[in-house]
Amino acid sequence: MQILSAAEMQACDRASAERFGVPALELMRAASTAVAAFAQSQFPHARRVTVLCGRGNNGGDGMMAARRLASAGLEVTTILLGSPESLKGDAAEAWRELSSPAHGIIHVIHTAEELSRHKDALETGLIIDAVVGTGFKPPLKGLALAAQEWAKSSTAPVLAVDLPSGWPADETAASISEPVFAADAVITFTAPKPAHVFGQLTRRWDQPVVVAPIGSPMEAIVSSLGVEWAGAALRLVQAPRAAAANKGGFGHVLVVGGCLGSAGGKTGAPAMAALAALRAGAGLVTAAVPAPALPLVASFAPELMTWPLVPTAAGQIAAVNLDAAKVEALSARKTVLAIGPGLGLSSETSKFVRGLLEATTMPAVIDADALNILAARPEQLAKLARGRTVVLTPHPGEMARLAGLTVAEVQAARLEVAHRFAVHHRVTVVLKGSRTLIAHPDGRVAVNTTGNPGMAKGGSGDTLTGLVAGLLAQYPGEPALAVEAAVYLHGLAADLAVREADEHTLLATDSLRQLARAFHFESRGRNGYVWLQGLPAQSSPVAASHEAAQ
């Protein structure tokens, strides 16, 4: 799914009308229908609704939604910020349909003082924010700013139409300093804008942000941003397997990592990566670890194969493992290499990592200590990526070391840093964090919108490495989609898992237990809405258990 800038969204609306014969008023009617339906499904207990409307098309969406909600029997109060005589085009038509005859209670507000007299409208079950939308240029001012201040005193949830009023559509930062309406849900139309995938638009991370189709033809939805939504890649893994399938058709992942000895014990990291690769559907997975660590890693899952590597005196992987015969035996019939989890940074291990990557040509997923080893020689990456898929999965600290920047510099320009590094070194960069980015060597960037604060715990990165390797093994012809699907599934499984646990108690392996449900998740609901953030009620374990009982 493409991400459209504000200008591209306006061009899409014009093209829908002028080239494809879909009148703008018809788009507004469809948008208002979507708003009203979503308000009733997401806030079913709200019998009183207050709709705040500006004088542009966003306000027109709100007015038509107010009319539909009033016709459905809800007690609706509509507040128009400004004179109805100044309304133009489709917004003026929306006002006529709302007010002649009046559907619900209607207040026309000319001053902030007048607005303050209507505090009773804040004692409602839902506020719909339709003040300004995609075409807005910050900051909020006048009556719009007064309405934002006025609404702060309400305890009612807020549904934002298109965007929380005050939030610029093209903003790629997670938060903004300008005044903005609070939101507990966001519904936009046709396609997401940058703010929908980058911004923390709602009060909580698990509140919904959805995209509703309203009739614009796919041919009108055109963007040159080169930014896409990672969730669309889920379709890659949802096709059923052939009845005659066998394990040989789904790849063999080699996970290299771990240490056990005086340098410390990190056996869980390669074990979790290997288990994740198995759970992702790889036909075979082998974990190659220092020999002392092998029994512990092998005990993690009986399906997992292991390979002992010669250890250093401290228990890390020794350089002697680079013997040509040993490398040939280790890499024989493997189709994807995942290297890094729990390795350590000794000089011998560093030599082994660089040597193994140079000696193999299979797709490689590079994480953790392997990234830190390569950070000392980033120029090696372009050579390693020649003729093969190379995926790096850094957190901001690792990205800073790779790019020669500070963590603050990486976080201040995540999109630019990931894009530039991926293109320059011809690698795929998975820059982890809230709104993980997948930057491809051809310049495209996908943004992931799943995941939650419970993932801020050891093991999350290891499971992601395994998922990426497991999907690359199964879909060698679609590496970009495989990586995007893996990142999306990783966060989605954690979102499903946290509903059964808690943000504090969630473990990385808890998420792996939810992968089956994540694989079958439909981001596009029955009503056509695409869930960028949050989960439909029927996706929760409680709802699923209730449906099963019924």
Protein backbone atom coordinates (compact mmCIF):
# COMPACT_ATOMS: atom_id res chain seq x y z
CA MET A 1 0.00 0.00 0.00
CA GLN A 2 1.47 3.31 -1.11
CA ILE A 3 1.82 6.28 1.24
CA LEU A 4 0.60 9.53 -0.36
CA SER A 5 1.66 13.06 0.47
CA ALA A 6 -1.03 15.68 1.07
CA ALA A 7 -0.52 17.04 -2.44
CA GLU A 8 -0.69 13.55 -3.94
CA MET A 9 -3.91 12.84 -2.04
CA GLN A 10 -5.47 16.01 -3.43
CA ALA A 11 -4.30 15.01 -6.92
CA CYS A 12 -5.90 11.60 -6.38
CA ASP A 13 -9.23 13.21 -5.51
CA ARG A 14 -9.04 15.43 -8.60
CA ALA A 15 -8.12 12.51 -10.84
CA SER A 16 -11.00 10.46 -9.42
CA ALA A 17 -13.42 13.17 -10.48
CA GLU A 18 -11.88 14.45 -13.70
CA ARG A 19 -10.39 11.28 -15.22
CA PHE A 20 -12.52 8.53 -13.76
CA GLY A 21 -15.88 10.22 -13.33
CA VAL A 22 -16.24 9.80 -9.56
CA PRO A 23 -17.73 13.11 -8.32
CA ALA A 24 -16.11 14.70 -5.30
CA LEU A 25 -19.51 14.82 -3.57
CA GLU A 26 -19.81 11.05 -4.00
CA LEU A 27 -16.40 10.62 -2.34
CA MET A 28 -17.57 12.81 0.54
CA ARG A 29 -20.74 10.77 0.96
CA ALA A 30 -18.70 7.56 1.02
CA ALA A 31 -16.30 9.06 3.55
CA SER A 32 -19.14 10.14 5.83
CA THR A 33 -20.70 6.69 5.60
CA ALA A 34 -17.37 5.19 6.65
CA VAL A 35 -17.04 7.61 9.57
CA ALA A 36 -20.56 6.93 10.85
CA ALA A 37 -20.19 3.15 10.52
CA PHE A 38 -16.80 3.15 12.24
CA ALA A 39 -18.06 5.37 15.06
CA GLN A 40 -20.92 2.95 15.74
CA SER A 41 -18.77 -0.19 15.56
CA GLN A 42 -15.79 1.15 17.52
CA PHE A 43 -17.82 3.05 20.14
CA PRO A 44 -21.04 1.01 20.36
CA HIS A 45 -22.03 2.39 23.77
CA ALA A 46 -21.93 6.03 22.68
CA ARG A 47 -25.56 7.13 22.34
CA ARG A 48 -24.70 10.82 22.47
CA VAL A 49 -22.25 12.19 19.89
CA THR A 50 -20.78 15.66 19.43
CA VAL A 51 -19.37 16.47 15.99
CA LEU A 52 -16.95 19.39 15.64
CA CYS A 53 -16.87 20.67 12.06
CA GLY A 54 -14.57 23.10 10.30
CA ARG A 55 -15.56 24.89 7.10
CA GLY A 56 -13.58 22.79 4.63
CA ASN A 57 -14.16 19.35 3.16
CA ASN A 58 -13.11 17.70 6.42
CA GLY A 59 -15.97 19.56 8.07
CA GLY A 60 -18.23 18.42 5.21
CA ASP A 61 -17.32 14.79 6.03
CA GLY A 62 -18.26 15.49 9.65
CA MET A 63 -21.59 17.13 8.77
CA MET A 64 -22.66 14.25 6.55
CA ALA A 65 -21.55 11.76 9.24
CA ALA A 66 -23.60 13.69 11.82
CA ARG A 67 -26.68 13.45 9.61
CA ARG A 68 -26.19 9.70 9.20
CA LEU A 69 -25.72 9.15 12.94
CA ALA A 70 -28.79 11.22 13.76
CA SER A 71 -30.81 9.23 11.21
CA ALA A 72 -29.60 6.06 12.95
CA GLY A 73 -31.26 7.24 16.18
CA LEU A 74 -28.29 8.68 18.05
CA GLU A 75 -28.49 11.98 19.93
CA VAL A 76 -26.18 14.16 17.84
CA THR A 77 -24.94 17.70 18.47
CA THR A 78 -23.11 19.33 15.57
CA ILE A 79 -20.95 22.39 16.16
CA LEU A 80 -19.93 24.40 13.08
CA LEU A 81 -16.88 26.57 13.67
CA GLY A 82 -17.67 29.65 11.60
CA SER A 83 -20.44 31.05 9.48
CA PRO A 84 -22.35 28.68 7.19
CA GLU A 85 -22.46 31.48 4.59
CA SER A 86 -18.71 31.01 4.08
CA LEU A 87 -19.05 27.33 3.19
CA LYS A 88 -18.29 26.41 -0.41
CA GLY A 89 -18.75 23.50 -2.77
CA ASP A 90 -19.37 20.08 -1.27
CA ALA A 91 -19.11 21.39 2.31
CA ALA A 92 -21.98 23.79 1.57
CA GLU A 93 -24.06 20.90 0.24
CA ALA A 94 -23.25 18.87 3.35
CA TRP A 95 -24.50 21.76 5.50
CA ARG A 96 -27.76 22.01 3.54
CA GLU A 97 -28.40 18.29 3.99
CA LEU A 98 -27.67 18.50 7.71
CA SER A 99 -29.65 21.64 8.51
CA SER A 100 -32.66 21.51 6.20
CA PRO A 101 -34.37 19.98 8.05
CA ALA A 102 -32.13 19.89 11.11
CA HIS A 103 -30.72 16.50 12.04
CA GLY A 104 -30.06 16.68 15.77
CA ILE A 105 -28.94 19.81 17.60
CA ILE A 106 -26.88 22.32 15.60
CA HIS A 107 -24.80 25.19 16.96
CA VAL A 108 -23.05 27.76 14.78
CA ILE A 109 -20.05 29.25 16.60
CA HIS A 110 -18.51 32.59 15.64
CA THR A 111 -16.27 33.30 18.66
CA ALA A 112 -14.36 31.39 21.32
CA GLU A 113 -16.64 32.95 23.93
CA GLU A 114 -19.69 31.44 22.23
CA LEU A 115 -18.00 28.04 22.22
CA SER A 116 -17.38 28.20 25.97
CA ARG A 117 -21.14 28.41 26.54
CA HIS A 118 -21.67 24.92 25.15
CA LYS A 119 -19.91 22.83 27.77
CA ASP A 120 -22.94 20.58 27.84
CA ALA A 121 -21.84 19.31 24.41
CA LEU A 122 -18.72 17.90 26.07
CA GLU A 123 -20.84 15.65 28.27
CA THR A 124 -21.15 13.10 25.51
CA GLY A 125 -20.27 9.53 24.66
CA LEU A 126 -18.09 10.44 21.68
CA ILE A 127 -16.53 13.50 20.08
CA ILE A 128 -15.92 13.41 16.34
CA ASP A 129 -13.12 15.75 15.32
CA ALA A 130 -13.77 16.99 11.77
CA VAL A 131 -12.18 20.41 12.12
CA VAL A 132 -9.28 20.24 9.63
CA GLY A 133 -7.81 17.41 7.55
CA THR A 134 -5.12 16.57 5.01
CA GLY A 135 -4.97 20.04 3.46
CA PHE A 136 -4.24 21.72 6.81
CA LYS A 137 -1.14 23.89 7.24
CA PRO A 138 -0.05 24.34 10.88
CA PRO A 139 -0.51 25.83 13.35
CA LEU A 140 -4.08 25.70 14.59
CA LYS A 141 -5.45 29.17 15.17
CA GLY A 142 -8.67 31.07 15.72
CA LEU A 143 -11.75 28.98 16.34
CA ALA A 144 -9.92 25.72 15.57
CA LEU A 145 -7.40 26.40 18.34
CA ALA A 146 -10.20 27.49 20.69
CA ALA A 147 -12.03 24.22 19.96
CA GLN A 148 -8.90 22.21 20.71
CA GLU A 149 -8.59 23.92 24.11
CA TRP A 150 -12.35 23.56 24.74
CA ALA A 151 -12.35 19.83 24.01
CA LYS A 152 -9.52 19.15 26.49
CA SER A 153 -11.94 19.25 29.43
CA SER A 154 -14.06 16.38 28.08
CA THR A 155 -13.54 12.80 29.21
CA ALA A 156 -15.24 11.44 26.06
CA PRO A 157 -13.20 9.47 23.51
CA VAL A 158 -12.34 11.30 20.31
CA LEU A 159 -12.62 9.91 16.78
CA ALA A 160 -10.49 11.91 14.33
CA VAL A 161 -11.69 12.24 10.76
CA ASP A 162 -8.69 11.91 8.41
CA LEU A 163 -6.18 13.17 11.01
CA PRO A 164 -6.28 14.61 14.52
CA SER A 165 -6.82 18.27 13.77
CA GLY A 166 -3.53 20.13 13.99
CA TRP A 167 -1.38 17.23 12.78
CA PRO A 168 0.26 17.91 9.37
CA ALA A 169 -0.36 15.08 6.92
CA ASP A 170 3.23 15.05 5.64
CA GLU A 171 4.87 14.95 9.08
CA THR A 172 7.22 11.96 9.60
CA ALA A 173 8.06 12.64 13.25
CA ALA A 174 6.48 10.53 15.97
CA SER A 175 5.20 13.61 17.79
CA ILE A 176 4.82 17.33 17.17
CA SER A 177 5.13 20.37 19.42
CA GLU A 178 2.21 22.34 17.95
CA PRO A 179 -1.28 22.13 19.54
CA VAL A 180 -3.22 19.11 18.25
CA PHE A 181 -6.52 17.46 19.09
CA ALA A 182 -6.32 14.30 21.16
CA ALA A 183 -7.52 11.13 19.43
CA ASP A 184 -8.63 7.68 20.53
CA ALA A 185 -9.19 6.46 16.98
CA VAL A 186 -8.41 7.77 13.50
CA ILE A 187 -10.16 7.00 10.23
CA THR A 188 -8.67 8.21 6.97
CA PHE A 189 -9.63 7.52 3.38
CA THR A 190 -8.22 5.90 0.23
CA ALA A 191 -4.55 5.76 1.31
CA PRO A 192 -2.42 6.62 4.34
CA LYS A 193 -0.46 9.83 4.48
CA PRO A 194 3.01 9.95 6.14
CA ALA A 195 1.57 11.01 9.50
CA HIS A 196 -0.62 7.88 9.63
CA VAL A 197 2.35 5.52 9.56
CA PHE A 198 4.98 7.60 11.38
CA GLY A 199 3.01 9.57 13.95
CA GLN A 200 1.78 8.58 17.39
CA LEU A 201 -1.65 9.91 16.54
CA THR A 202 -3.64 8.28 19.33
CA ARG A 203 -3.38 8.47 23.10
CA ARG A 204 -2.35 4.81 23.32
CA TRP A 205 -0.33 2.64 20.98
CA ASP A 206 -3.12 0.05 20.65
CA GLN A 207 -5.89 2.42 19.55
CA PRO A 208 -7.04 2.10 15.94
CA VAL A 209 -5.84 3.95 12.88
CA VAL A 210 -7.73 2.69 9.83
CA VAL A 211 -7.94 3.45 6.12
CA ALA A 212 -11.38 3.26 4.49
CA PRO A 213 -11.85 2.90 0.73
CA ILE A 214 -14.33 5.46 -0.60
CA GLY A 215 -14.38 4.81 -4.33
CA SER A 216 -11.19 6.29 -5.77
CA PRO A 217 -9.91 3.98 -8.54
CA MET A 218 -6.55 2.30 -7.93
CA GLU A 219 -5.23 4.03 -11.06
CA ALA A 220 -5.75 7.40 -9.35
CA ILE A 221 -3.69 6.44 -6.29
CA VAL A 222 -0.19 7.44 -7.39
CA SER A 223 2.77 8.39 -5.24
CA SER A 224 6.40 9.26 -5.89
CA LEU A 225 7.45 9.20 -2.24
CA GLY A 226 8.82 5.67 -2.47
CA VAL A 227 7.32 4.88 0.94
CA GLU A 228 4.95 1.97 1.46
CA TRP A 229 3.12 0.21 4.30
CA ALA A 230 4.83 -3.03 5.33
CA GLY A 231 1.56 -4.74 6.27
CA ALA A 232 0.61 -5.17 2.63
CA ALA A 233 3.38 -7.80 2.34
CA LEU A 234 1.41 -10.18 4.55
CA ARG A 235 -0.33 -11.48 1.43
CA LEU A 236 2.93 -13.22 0.51
CA VAL A 237 2.66 -15.72 3.35
CA GLN A 238 -1.09 -16.31 3.25
CA ALA A 239 -1.23 -18.40 0.09
CA PRO A 240 -1.83 -22.09 0.98
CA ARG A 241 0.98 -24.56 0.47
CA ALA A 242 0.72 -27.24 -2.19
CA ALA A 243 -0.61 -30.60 -1.02
CA ALA A 244 2.58 -32.33 -2.20
CA ALA A 245 4.90 -29.92 -0.35
CA ASN A 246 7.96 -31.26 1.47
CA LYS A 247 10.55 -29.72 3.77
CA GLY A 248 13.07 -29.46 0.96
CA GLY A 249 10.96 -26.84 -0.73
CA PHE A 250 11.04 -24.37 2.16
CA GLY A 251 14.73 -23.76 2.60
CA HIS A 252 17.38 -24.57 5.19
CA VAL A 253 18.35 -21.76 7.58
CA LEU A 254 21.79 -21.76 9.21
CA VAL A 255 21.85 -19.74 12.45
CA VAL A 256 25.36 -18.88 13.67
CA GLY A 257 25.86 -17.36 17.10
CA GLY A 258 26.08 -17.93 20.81
CA CYS A 259 28.84 -18.24 23.36
CA LEU A 260 29.31 -20.09 26.65
CA GLY A 261 32.32 -19.81 28.92
CA SER A 262 34.35 -17.23 30.77
CA ALA A 263 33.20 -14.59 28.25
CA GLY A 264 29.64 -15.11 29.46
CA GLY A 265 26.71 -17.23 28.39
CA LYS A 266 24.47 -16.26 25.48
CA THR A 267 22.82 -19.47 24.40
CA GLY A 268 19.27 -18.17 24.35
CA ALA A 269 19.91 -15.73 21.51
CA PRO A 270 20.74 -18.24 18.75
CA ALA A 271 18.18 -20.66 20.16
CA MET A 272 15.38 -18.07 19.89
CA ALA A 273 16.47 -17.06 16.40
CA ALA A 274 16.46 -20.70 15.31
CA LEU A 275 13.07 -21.37 16.87
CA ALA A 276 11.64 -18.30 15.15
CA ALA A 277 12.94 -19.51 11.79
CA LEU A 278 11.19 -22.83 12.40
CA ARG A 279 7.97 -21.11 13.43
CA ALA A 280 8.15 -18.94 10.33
CA GLY A 281 7.92 -22.08 8.21
CA ALA A 282 11.48 -22.84 7.14
CA GLY A 283 11.83 -26.49 6.14
CA LEU A 284 15.02 -27.07 8.14
CA VAL A 285 16.99 -25.03 10.66
CA THR A 286 20.49 -25.69 11.96
CA ALA A 287 22.02 -23.74 14.85
CA ALA A 288 25.81 -23.59 14.70
CA VAL A 289 27.17 -22.64 18.12
CA PRO A 290 30.33 -23.15 20.19
CA ALA A 291 30.45 -26.79 21.28
CA PRO A 292 29.96 -26.06 25.02
CA ALA A 293 26.69 -24.26 24.21
CA LEU A 294 25.31 -26.99 21.98
CA PRO A 295 23.43 -29.07 24.62
CA LEU A 296 21.56 -26.01 25.88
CA VAL A 297 20.61 -24.82 22.41
CA ALA A 298 19.59 -28.32 21.33
CA SER A 299 17.23 -28.59 24.31
CA PHE A 300 15.27 -25.57 23.13
CA ALA A 301 13.29 -27.48 20.49
CA PRO A 302 13.55 -31.12 19.37
CA GLU A 303 12.95 -30.05 15.75
CA LEU A 304 16.15 -27.99 15.76
CA MET A 305 19.36 -29.39 14.31
CA THR A 306 22.73 -28.30 15.71
CA TRP A 307 26.33 -27.98 14.58
CA PRO A 308 29.25 -27.73 17.04
CA LEU A 309 31.86 -25.06 16.37
CA VAL A 310 35.33 -25.03 17.90
CA PRO A 311 35.35 -22.57 20.81
CA THR A 312 38.02 -20.17 21.99
CA ALA A 313 39.30 -20.55 25.52
CA ALA A 314 36.67 -18.00 26.56
CA GLY A 315 33.83 -19.93 24.92
CA GLN A 316 33.29 -17.85 21.78
CA ILE A 317 33.58 -19.04 18.16
CA ALA A 318 37.21 -19.58 17.17
CA ALA A 319 38.80 -18.49 13.90
CA VAL A 320 39.90 -22.08 13.24
CA ASN A 321 36.34 -22.73 12.08
CA LEU A 322 37.27 -20.86 8.89
CA ASP A 323 39.17 -23.89 7.64
CA ALA A 324 37.93 -24.40 4.08
CA ALA A 325 36.71 -27.93 4.70
CA LYS A 326 34.88 -26.84 7.84
CA VAL A 327 33.18 -23.94 6.04
CA GLU A 328 32.17 -26.18 3.16
CA ALA A 329 30.65 -28.75 5.50
CA LEU A 330 28.90 -26.08 7.58
CA SER A 331 27.33 -24.29 4.61
CA ALA A 332 26.48 -27.37 2.51
CA ARG A 333 22.83 -27.33 1.38
CA LYS A 334 22.01 -24.27 3.52
CA THR A 335 19.96 -21.61 1.76
CA VAL A 336 19.99 -18.66 4.19
CA LEU A 337 22.54 -17.57 6.78
CA ALA A 338 21.48 -15.76 9.97
CA ILE A 339 24.51 -14.58 11.92
CA GLY A 340 25.08 -12.52 15.03
CA PRO A 341 22.82 -13.40 17.99
CA GLY A 342 24.89 -13.88 21.13
CA LEU A 343 28.25 -14.08 19.30
CA GLY A 344 30.53 -11.89 21.36
CA LEU A 345 33.20 -9.58 19.98
CA SER A 346 36.54 -11.33 20.47
CA SER A 347 39.17 -10.87 17.77
CA GLU A 348 38.88 -14.52 16.75
CA THR A 349 35.10 -14.35 16.51
CA SER A 350 35.34 -11.12 14.50
CA LYS A 351 37.71 -12.81 12.07
CA PHE A 352 35.34 -15.78 11.78
CA VAL A 353 32.29 -13.60 11.07
CA ARG A 354 33.99 -11.61 8.31
CA GLY A 355 35.52 -14.75 6.84
CA LEU A 356 32.27 -16.76 6.82
CA LEU A 357 30.37 -13.94 5.15
CA GLU A 358 33.07 -13.64 2.49
CA ALA A 359 33.21 -17.40 1.92
CA THR A 360 29.45 -17.84 1.37
CA THR A 361 27.06 -16.50 -1.25
CA MET A 362 23.68 -17.41 0.25
CA PRO A 363 21.31 -14.63 1.44
CA ALA A 364 22.46 -13.36 4.82
CA VAL A 365 20.63 -11.81 7.76
CA ILE A 366 23.15 -9.96 9.93
CA ASP A 367 22.28 -8.92 13.48
CA ALA A 368 23.63 -8.03 16.90
CA ASP A 369 27.37 -8.60 17.40
CA ALA A 370 27.88 -9.37 13.72
CA LEU A 371 26.70 -5.83 12.97
CA ASN A 372 29.12 -4.40 15.49
CA ILE A 373 31.93 -6.42 13.92
CA LEU A 374 31.06 -5.10 10.46
CA ALA A 375 30.76 -1.54 11.79
CA ALA A 376 34.56 -1.47 12.01
CA ARG A 377 34.72 -2.05 8.24
CA PRO A 378 31.45 -0.81 6.71
CA GLU A 379 33.05 -0.67 3.26
CA GLN A 380 32.97 -4.50 3.31
CA LEU A 381 29.18 -4.47 3.10
CA ALA A 382 28.91 -3.47 -0.55
CA LYS A 383 31.28 -6.31 -1.46
CA LEU A 384 29.31 -8.81 0.63
CA ALA A 385 26.04 -7.71 -0.98
CA ARG A 386 27.27 -8.23 -4.53
CA GLY A 387 25.00 -10.82 -6.13
CA ARG A 388 23.18 -11.76 -2.93
CA THR A 389 20.53 -10.47 -0.56
CA VAL A 390 22.02 -8.98 2.61
CA VAL A 391 19.67 -7.86 5.38
CA LEU A 392 20.92 -5.84 8.35
CA THR A 393 18.68 -5.61 11.43
CA PRO A 394 20.18 -2.85 13.61
CA HIS A 395 18.67 -1.11 16.58
CA PRO A 396 19.47 2.64 16.71
CA GLY A 397 22.75 2.10 18.57
CA GLU A 398 23.98 -0.43 16.03
CA MET A 399 22.81 1.79 13.17
CA ALA A 400 24.78 4.67 14.67
CA ARG A 401 27.95 2.58 14.74
CA LEU A 402 27.41 1.37 11.16
CA ALA A 403 26.75 4.85 9.80
CA GLY A 404 29.31 6.71 11.91
CA LEU A 405 26.64 8.83 13.59
CA THR A 406 25.33 9.38 17.09
CA VAL A 407 22.17 7.65 18.26
CA ALA A 408 20.50 11.06 18.50
CA GLU A 409 21.37 11.77 14.86
CA VAL A 410 19.93 8.42 13.78
CA GLN A 411 16.71 8.94 15.72
CA ALA A 412 16.29 12.48 14.43
CA ALA A 413 16.40 11.33 10.80
CA ARG A 414 15.52 7.64 10.81
CA LEU A 415 14.00 7.59 7.34
CA GLU A 416 16.86 9.46 5.71
CA VAL A 417 19.59 7.48 7.51
CA ALA A 418 18.11 4.07 6.69
CA HIS A 419 17.38 5.03 3.06
CA ARG A 420 20.84 6.49 2.44
CA PHE A 421 22.69 3.56 4.00
CA ALA A 422 20.66 0.93 2.16
CA VAL A 423 21.14 2.56 -1.24
CA HIS A 424 24.83 3.31 -0.73
CA HIS A 425 25.78 -0.18 0.49
CA ARG A 426 23.24 -2.10 -1.65
CA VAL A 427 21.75 -3.83 1.40
CA THR A 428 18.34 -4.04 3.05
CA VAL A 429 18.26 -2.17 6.37
CA VAL A 430 15.67 -3.06 9.01
CA LEU A 431 16.02 -0.12 11.40
CA LYS A 432 14.28 -1.34 14.52
CA GLY A 433 12.24 0.73 16.94
CA SER A 434 8.77 2.21 17.12
CA ARG A 435 7.70 2.25 13.45
CA THR A 436 10.47 -0.06 12.24
CA LEU A 437 11.71 0.89 8.77
CA ILE A 438 12.64 -1.55 6.00
CA ALA A 439 14.89 0.32 3.55
CA HIS A 440 15.68 -1.53 0.33
CA PRO A 441 18.74 -1.09 -1.93
CA ASP A 442 16.53 0.19 -4.77
CA GLY A 443 15.51 3.18 -2.65
CA ARG A 444 12.05 2.05 -1.54
CA VAL A 445 11.21 2.17 2.16
CA ALA A 446 8.42 0.29 3.94
CA VAL A 447 7.10 1.40 7.33
CA ASN A 448 5.85 -1.11 9.88
CA THR A 449 2.98 -0.11 12.15
CA THR A 450 2.72 -3.18 14.40
CA GLY A 451 4.51 -3.73 17.70
CA ASN A 452 4.24 -2.42 21.24
CA PRO A 453 6.32 -1.31 24.25
CA GLY A 454 6.29 -4.85 25.68
CA MET A 455 8.81 -5.78 23.00
CA ALA A 456 11.46 -3.63 24.69
CA LYS A 457 13.06 -6.71 26.20
CA GLY A 458 15.93 -9.07 25.46
CA GLY A 459 15.17 -11.64 22.78
CA SER A 460 12.93 -9.51 20.56
CA GLY A 461 15.71 -8.81 18.09
CA ASP A 462 16.77 -12.47 18.02
CA THR A 463 13.28 -13.65 17.12
CA LEU A 464 13.06 -11.01 14.38
CA THR A 465 16.32 -12.28 12.90
CA GLY A 466 14.92 -15.79 12.79
CA LEU A 467 11.64 -14.69 11.24
CA VAL A 468 13.40 -12.75 8.50
CA ALA A 469 15.70 -15.71 7.74
CA GLY A 470 12.80 -18.17 7.82
CA LEU A 471 10.74 -16.21 5.31
CA LEU A 472 13.73 -15.50 3.06
CA ALA A 473 14.31 -19.26 2.94
CA GLN A 474 10.76 -19.86 1.73
CA TYR A 475 10.43 -16.94 -0.68
CA PRO A 476 13.85 -16.50 -2.31
CA GLY A 477 12.28 -14.86 -5.35
CA GLU A 478 10.53 -12.16 -3.27
CA PRO A 479 13.19 -11.02 -0.78
CA ALA A 480 11.78 -7.51 -0.25
CA LEU A 481 8.27 -8.76 0.53
CA ALA A 482 9.67 -11.57 2.69
CA VAL A 483 11.54 -9.10 4.90
CA GLU A 484 8.57 -6.74 5.14
CA ALA A 485 6.21 -9.59 6.01
CA ALA A 486 8.61 -10.84 8.69
CA VAL A 487 8.81 -7.42 10.35
CA TYR A 488 5.04 -6.96 10.22
CA LEU A 489 4.40 -10.47 11.63
CA HIS A 490 6.93 -9.91 14.40
CA GLY A 491 5.09 -6.85 15.70
CA LEU A 492 1.63 -8.28 15.06
CA ALA A 493 2.37 -11.46 17.01
CA ALA A 494 3.54 -9.31 19.91
CA ASP A 495 0.37 -7.20 19.70
CA LEU A 496 -1.71 -10.37 19.89
CA ALA A 497 0.41 -11.77 22.71
CA VAL A 498 0.27 -8.65 24.86
CA ARG A 499 -3.51 -8.95 25.02
CA GLU A 500 -3.03 -12.20 26.92
CA ALA A 501 -0.12 -10.92 28.99
CA ASP A 502 0.94 -7.39 29.83
CA GLU A 503 3.40 -4.85 28.49
CA HIS A 504 5.65 -5.61 31.48
CA THR A 505 5.46 -9.40 31.44
CA LEU A 506 5.58 -10.08 27.68
CA LEU A 507 8.46 -12.32 26.60
CA ALA A 508 9.85 -12.67 23.11
CA THR A 509 8.89 -16.33 23.07
CA ASP A 510 5.30 -15.43 24.03
CA SER A 511 5.03 -13.69 20.68
CA LEU A 512 6.20 -16.79 18.80
CA ARG A 513 3.22 -18.66 20.23
CA GLN A 514 0.92 -16.16 18.49
CA LEU A 515 2.47 -16.53 15.05
CA ALA A 516 -0.27 -18.87 13.81
CA ARG A 517 -2.91 -16.22 14.50
CA ALA A 518 -0.65 -13.54 13.03
CA PHE A 519 -0.25 -15.50 9.79
CA HIS A 520 -4.03 -15.67 9.41
CA PHE A 521 -4.73 -12.08 10.41
CA GLU A 522 -6.71 -10.04 7.88
CA SER A 523 -5.55 -6.44 8.03
CA ARG A 524 -8.42 -5.57 5.69
CA GLY A 525 -11.64 -6.10 7.64
CA ARG A 526 -14.96 -7.28 6.30
CA ASN A 527 -16.01 -3.68 5.70
CA GLY A 528 -12.91 -2.99 3.60
CA TYR A 529 -11.11 -0.93 6.25
CA VAL A 530 -7.37 -1.54 6.49
CA TRP A 531 -6.08 -1.55 10.08
CA LEU A 532 -2.75 0.25 10.18
CA GLN A 533 -2.69 0.31 13.96
CA GLY A 534 -4.67 -1.51 16.61
CA LEU A 535 -6.67 -4.70 16.19
CA PRO A 536 -10.35 -5.30 15.42
CA ALA A 537 -12.29 -6.58 18.41
CA GLN A 538 -12.68 -10.02 16.83
CA SER A 539 -8.87 -10.40 16.80
CA SER A 540 -8.61 -10.44 20.59
CA PRO A 541 -8.21 -13.76 22.41
CA VAL A 542 -11.33 -13.03 24.42
CA ALA A 543 -13.41 -12.47 21.30
CA ALA A 544 -11.88 -15.50 19.59
CA SER A 545 -12.68 -17.70 22.60
CA HIS A 546 -16.24 -16.39 22.66
CA GLU A 547 -16.68 -17.11 18.94
CA ALA A 548 -15.33 -20.64 19.43
CA ALA A 549 -17.71 -21.24 22.33
CA GLN A 550 -20.63 -20.06 20.23
